[in-house]
Amino acid sequence: MSDETSGPAKPTPSRAPGRLAGKRVLITGTAGGQGHAAQRLFAAEGARIAGCDLQPGGAETSADELIRQGYDVTGTTVDLRDESAARAWVEDSAARLGGIDVLYNNAAGFGFAPFGEMTFALWRHVLSAELDLVFTVTNAAWKPLVDGGGSLINVGSISAIRGIAPLGQAAHAAAKGAVISLTRTLAAEGAAVGIRANAISPGFVDSPAAQEAAKEHGTEMRDYMVDLHLLRRPGSGTDTAAMALYLASDESAWVTGQNFVIDGGWSAGFR
């Protein structure tokens, strides 16, 4: 008879199957916020996941939380703006998982300033942190996605749809607008090889990045942003993760080239 009181506790067995049972998923920006929420939800629905983040140790910590619950998740610290580093992460992840079925390009940086005060350095930083890394990861993952008949999910923003003068968002809006346009082109190119590509454009989401921006602009800016939504609250990581889950699943098999605006009614009007 085994001694059940000795030795380390064994992880809880995976709860798969689910809506993503067996799917091999890459998610960027998993240390916190929307990426962390999506990783947790995807794992609970049966996905095998490779996550990453720029924050040192952040992706590893968030992955460890799920590993202890018996889920198949890994986390890696990587700067996706570095093309070689991004490609290495994608290739290593695809090798471990045996391919890629879903790529969720969630990671992004930020930077705001009134256009008259915006420097070229800040402009380039934002485009690199919000657009270039979508290219580096997707370019490296394209062939595995073709092989897996995969779903590509990118993150746009309400800022690509509506101008917001007080925020000073010219670079952010330009980058996210480009992500949405890129998504449509990738949907067109991907259709012939079995890749679906869609974007999610959130309104104001109470994420670590948003909290950091709020520190810079003050609580009045946060209140102003929240009041722009018909549903007077900020979004959560769970709000956007639910849409990402749908797009990652086979339930969206006939959905491609779309930009899903998850904004609490902001783009619909005012009250």
Protein backbone atom coordinates (compact mmCIF):
# COMPACT_ATOMS: atom_id res chain seq x y z
CA MET A 1 0.00 0.00 0.00
CA SER A 2 1.43 3.41 -0.94
CA ASP A 3 2.00 6.07 1.67
CA GLU A 4 -0.28 8.90 0.51
CA THR A 5 1.07 11.24 3.18
CA SER A 6 4.63 11.32 1.84
CA GLY A 7 6.17 13.07 -1.14
CA PRO A 8 5.09 16.20 -3.04
CA ALA A 9 1.47 16.71 -3.96
CA LYS A 10 0.59 15.51 -7.42
CA PRO A 11 -0.95 18.00 -9.86
CA THR A 12 -4.64 17.77 -10.58
CA PRO A 13 -5.31 15.89 -13.85
CA SER A 14 -6.22 18.03 -16.86
CA ARG A 15 -9.90 18.90 -17.17
CA ALA A 16 -9.88 18.40 -20.95
CA PRO A 17 -11.86 17.78 -23.09
CA GLY A 18 -13.37 21.21 -23.66
CA ARG A 19 -14.03 23.69 -26.42
CA LEU A 20 -10.30 23.72 -27.25
CA ALA A 21 -9.56 20.08 -26.45
CA GLY A 22 -6.10 19.17 -27.71
CA LYS A 23 -5.52 22.45 -29.55
CA ARG A 24 -1.93 23.70 -29.61
CA VAL A 25 -1.98 27.39 -28.72
CA LEU A 26 0.58 30.19 -28.60
CA ILE A 27 -0.37 33.28 -26.59
CA THR A 28 1.84 36.35 -26.25
CA GLY A 29 1.75 38.67 -23.25
CA THR A 30 0.66 36.14 -20.63
CA ALA A 31 2.20 37.70 -17.51
CA GLY A 32 -1.01 39.56 -16.68
CA GLY A 33 -4.13 41.25 -17.98
CA GLN A 34 -5.92 39.94 -21.04
CA GLY A 35 -3.21 37.42 -21.96
CA HIS A 36 -3.22 35.90 -18.49
CA ALA A 37 -7.02 35.66 -18.51
CA ALA A 38 -7.02 34.02 -21.95
CA GLN A 39 -4.33 31.53 -20.95
CA ARG A 40 -6.33 30.48 -17.90
CA LEU A 41 -9.57 30.15 -19.87
CA PHE A 42 -7.96 28.33 -22.81
CA ALA A 43 -6.26 25.86 -20.48
CA ALA A 44 -9.54 25.15 -18.70
CA GLU A 45 -11.06 24.39 -22.12
CA GLY A 46 -8.42 21.75 -22.89
CA ALA A 47 -5.76 23.67 -24.83
CA ARG A 48 -2.04 22.97 -24.60
CA ILE A 49 -0.36 26.36 -24.34
CA ALA A 50 2.96 28.11 -24.83
CA GLY A 51 2.91 31.62 -23.40
CA CYS A 52 5.48 34.39 -23.29
CA ASP A 53 6.00 37.90 -21.99
CA LEU A 54 8.61 40.65 -21.95
CA GLN A 55 8.35 41.03 -18.16
CA PRO A 56 11.17 38.92 -16.67
CA GLY A 57 9.70 35.80 -15.08
CA GLY A 58 6.11 36.93 -15.62
CA ALA A 59 5.11 34.30 -18.16
CA GLU A 60 6.85 31.59 -16.16
CA THR A 61 4.98 32.55 -12.99
CA SER A 62 1.58 32.62 -14.67
CA ALA A 63 2.30 29.26 -16.33
CA ASP A 64 3.39 27.70 -13.02
CA GLU A 65 0.03 28.57 -11.47
CA LEU A 66 -1.70 26.45 -14.12
CA ILE A 67 0.90 23.69 -14.18
CA ARG A 68 0.20 23.09 -10.50
CA GLN A 69 -3.44 22.53 -11.45
CA GLY A 70 -2.44 19.89 -13.99
CA TYR A 71 -2.60 21.93 -17.19
CA ASP A 72 -0.11 21.69 -20.07
CA VAL A 73 1.31 25.24 -20.11
CA THR A 74 4.78 26.74 -20.47
CA GLY A 75 5.94 30.33 -20.08
CA THR A 76 9.00 32.05 -21.51
CA THR A 77 10.54 35.50 -21.11
CA VAL A 78 11.21 36.89 -24.59
CA ASP A 79 11.44 40.26 -26.37
CA LEU A 80 9.26 39.71 -29.43
CA ARG A 81 10.56 42.89 -31.07
CA ASP A 82 13.75 40.92 -31.65
CA GLU A 83 13.02 38.92 -34.80
CA SER A 84 15.51 36.16 -33.96
CA ALA A 85 14.20 35.80 -30.41
CA ALA A 86 10.60 35.74 -31.62
CA ARG A 87 11.35 33.08 -34.22
CA ALA A 88 13.23 30.95 -31.70
CA TRP A 89 10.29 31.10 -29.26
CA VAL A 90 7.78 30.17 -31.98
CA GLU A 91 9.91 27.31 -33.31
CA ASP A 92 10.68 25.93 -29.84
CA SER A 93 7.00 26.15 -28.88
CA ALA A 94 5.84 24.47 -32.09
CA ALA A 95 8.37 21.67 -31.57
CA ARG A 96 7.20 21.07 -27.98
CA LEU A 97 3.52 21.15 -28.89
CA GLY A 98 3.92 19.24 -32.16
CA GLY A 99 2.54 22.14 -34.23
CA ILE A 100 0.36 25.23 -33.88
CA ASP A 101 -3.42 25.41 -34.18
CA VAL A 102 -3.96 28.88 -32.68
CA LEU A 103 -1.80 32.00 -32.43
CA TYR A 104 -3.13 34.76 -30.19
CA ASN A 105 -1.06 37.94 -30.67
CA ASN A 106 -2.07 39.65 -27.44
CA ALA A 107 1.21 41.32 -26.36
CA ALA A 108 1.64 45.07 -26.85
CA GLY A 109 3.34 48.07 -25.33
CA PHE A 110 2.02 51.60 -25.16
CA GLY A 111 3.03 55.24 -25.30
CA PHE A 112 0.96 58.41 -25.39
CA ALA A 113 1.64 62.10 -25.99
CA PRO A 114 -0.17 64.97 -27.70
CA PHE A 115 0.82 64.89 -31.35
CA GLY A 116 2.57 68.26 -31.14
CA GLU A 117 4.76 66.90 -28.37
CA MET A 118 5.28 63.41 -29.77
CA THR A 119 8.89 62.58 -30.62
CA PHE A 120 9.93 60.33 -33.45
CA ALA A 121 11.55 58.07 -30.86
CA LEU A 122 8.21 57.60 -29.06
CA TRP A 123 6.43 57.04 -32.39
CA ARG A 124 8.93 54.33 -33.36
CA HIS A 125 8.77 52.74 -29.90
CA VAL A 126 4.99 52.37 -30.05
CA LEU A 127 4.97 50.99 -33.60
CA SER A 128 7.67 48.50 -32.64
CA ALA A 129 5.89 47.43 -29.44
CA GLU A 130 2.42 47.18 -31.00
CA LEU A 131 2.93 46.35 -34.69
CA ASP A 132 6.40 44.95 -35.35
CA LEU A 133 5.98 42.14 -32.83
CA VAL A 134 2.77 41.04 -34.56
CA PHE A 135 4.84 40.61 -37.72
CA THR A 136 7.78 38.82 -36.08
CA VAL A 137 5.63 36.23 -34.34
CA THR A 138 3.10 35.70 -37.13
CA ASN A 139 5.76 35.44 -39.81
CA ALA A 140 7.55 32.74 -37.82
CA ALA A 141 4.29 30.93 -37.07
CA TRP A 142 2.77 31.11 -40.56
CA LYS A 143 3.94 27.72 -41.85
CA PRO A 144 2.98 25.81 -38.67
CA LEU A 145 -0.41 27.54 -38.80
CA VAL A 146 -0.83 26.40 -42.41
CA ASP A 147 0.03 22.85 -41.37
CA GLY A 148 -2.47 23.03 -38.50
CA GLY A 149 -5.23 24.79 -40.44
CA GLY A 150 -4.99 27.39 -37.73
CA SER A 151 -6.75 30.39 -36.23
CA LEU A 152 -4.84 33.67 -35.97
CA ILE A 153 -6.15 36.20 -33.45
CA ASN A 154 -4.73 39.75 -33.31
CA VAL A 155 -5.54 42.59 -30.93
CA GLY A 156 -6.62 45.95 -32.29
CA SER A 157 -8.17 48.73 -30.22
CA ILE A 158 -11.11 51.11 -30.04
CA SER A 159 -8.40 53.71 -30.66
CA ALA A 160 -8.14 52.46 -34.25
CA ILE A 161 -11.83 53.22 -34.74
CA ARG A 162 -12.47 56.44 -32.81
CA GLY A 163 -10.19 59.40 -32.15
CA ILE A 164 -9.66 60.27 -28.50
CA ALA A 165 -8.13 63.72 -28.24
CA PRO A 166 -7.21 63.88 -24.52
CA LEU A 167 -5.25 60.63 -24.61
CA GLY A 168 -2.63 61.67 -27.17
CA GLN A 169 -2.90 58.37 -28.99
CA ALA A 170 -1.64 59.07 -32.53
CA ALA A 171 1.03 56.37 -32.49
CA HIS A 172 -1.18 53.85 -30.68
CA ALA A 173 -4.07 54.46 -33.08
CA ALA A 174 -1.79 54.16 -36.11
CA ALA A 175 -0.29 50.90 -34.87
CA LYS A 176 -3.62 49.30 -33.98
CA GLY A 177 -5.18 50.48 -37.24
CA ALA A 178 -2.34 48.75 -39.05
CA VAL A 179 -2.92 45.56 -37.04
CA ILE A 180 -6.57 45.50 -38.12
CA SER A 181 -5.65 46.09 -41.77
CA LEU A 182 -2.94 43.44 -41.58
CA THR A 183 -5.47 41.00 -40.13
CA ARG A 184 -7.77 41.44 -43.12
CA THR A 185 -4.92 40.89 -45.56
CA LEU A 186 -3.78 37.78 -43.70
CA ALA A 187 -7.36 36.50 -43.79
CA ALA A 188 -7.35 36.95 -47.57
CA GLU A 189 -3.97 35.25 -48.01
CA GLY A 190 -4.69 32.60 -45.43
CA ALA A 191 -8.04 31.46 -46.79
CA ALA A 192 -6.47 29.36 -49.53
CA VAL A 193 -4.23 27.54 -47.05
CA GLY A 194 -6.71 27.04 -44.22
CA ILE A 195 -5.79 29.95 -41.92
CA ARG A 196 -8.50 32.12 -40.42
CA ALA A 197 -7.46 35.58 -39.20
CA ASN A 198 -9.54 37.86 -36.99
CA ALA A 199 -8.98 40.80 -34.67
CA ILE A 200 -10.41 41.83 -31.31
CA SER A 201 -10.62 45.57 -30.57
CA PRO A 202 -11.28 46.27 -26.89
CA GLY A 203 -12.46 49.47 -25.34
CA PHE A 204 -10.87 50.58 -22.08
CA VAL A 205 -9.79 47.41 -20.27
CA ASP A 206 -8.59 47.53 -16.67
CA SER A 207 -5.25 45.83 -17.41
CA PRO A 208 -1.75 46.38 -16.00
CA ALA A 209 -0.90 48.53 -19.05
CA ALA A 210 -4.02 50.64 -18.56
CA GLN A 211 -3.26 51.04 -14.87
CA GLU A 212 0.26 52.19 -15.74
CA ALA A 213 -1.12 54.69 -18.24
CA ALA A 214 -3.61 55.91 -15.63
CA LYS A 215 -0.74 56.67 -13.27
CA GLU A 216 0.77 58.89 -15.96
CA HIS A 217 -2.48 60.69 -16.84
CA GLY A 218 -4.28 60.56 -13.50
CA THR A 219 -7.61 59.16 -12.34
CA GLU A 220 -9.56 61.86 -14.20
CA MET A 221 -8.42 60.34 -17.50
CA ARG A 222 -9.50 56.87 -16.36
CA ASP A 223 -12.92 58.19 -15.34
CA TYR A 224 -13.23 59.98 -18.68
CA MET A 225 -12.47 56.76 -20.57
CA VAL A 226 -14.91 54.68 -18.53
CA ASP A 227 -17.69 57.24 -19.11
CA LEU A 228 -17.36 56.79 -22.88
CA HIS A 229 -18.80 53.27 -22.61
CA LEU A 230 -22.56 52.72 -22.68
CA LEU A 231 -21.93 50.10 -19.99
CA ARG A 232 -20.24 52.32 -17.44
CA ARG A 233 -17.41 50.10 -16.33
CA PRO A 234 -13.99 49.21 -17.71
CA GLY A 235 -13.63 45.91 -19.52
CA SER A 236 -11.85 42.98 -17.93
CA GLY A 237 -9.46 40.37 -19.25
CA THR A 238 -12.30 37.86 -19.02
CA ASP A 239 -14.48 40.00 -21.32
CA THR A 240 -11.96 39.84 -24.16
CA ALA A 241 -10.82 36.27 -23.40
CA ALA A 242 -14.35 35.00 -24.02
CA MET A 243 -14.28 36.37 -27.57
CA ALA A 244 -10.78 35.00 -28.11
CA LEU A 245 -12.00 31.58 -26.97
CA TYR A 246 -14.74 31.65 -29.59
CA LEU A 247 -12.28 32.64 -32.33
CA ALA A 248 -9.82 29.94 -31.25
CA SER A 249 -12.49 27.24 -31.26
CA ASP A 250 -14.06 25.34 -34.14
CA GLU A 251 -17.28 27.21 -33.42
CA SER A 252 -15.90 30.07 -35.54
CA ALA A 253 -14.90 27.84 -38.45
CA TRP A 254 -16.67 30.13 -40.97
CA VAL A 255 -15.43 33.40 -39.46
CA THR A 256 -12.43 35.24 -40.90
CA GLY A 257 -11.28 38.75 -41.76
CA GLN A 258 -13.39 40.36 -39.02
CA ASN A 259 -12.66 42.94 -36.34
CA PHE A 260 -14.74 42.25 -33.24
CA VAL A 261 -15.21 45.38 -31.15
CA ILE A 262 -15.58 44.53 -27.45
CA ASP A 263 -16.08 47.99 -26.00
CA GLY A 264 -19.08 48.11 -23.67
CA GLY A 265 -20.99 49.98 -26.38
CA TRP A 266 -18.45 52.81 -26.83
CA SER A 267 -18.52 52.66 -30.63
CA ALA A 268 -22.32 52.45 -30.71
CA GLY A 269 -22.97 55.89 -29.22
CA PHE A 270 -23.26 57.92 -26.03
CA ARG A 271 -25.82 58.19 -23.27
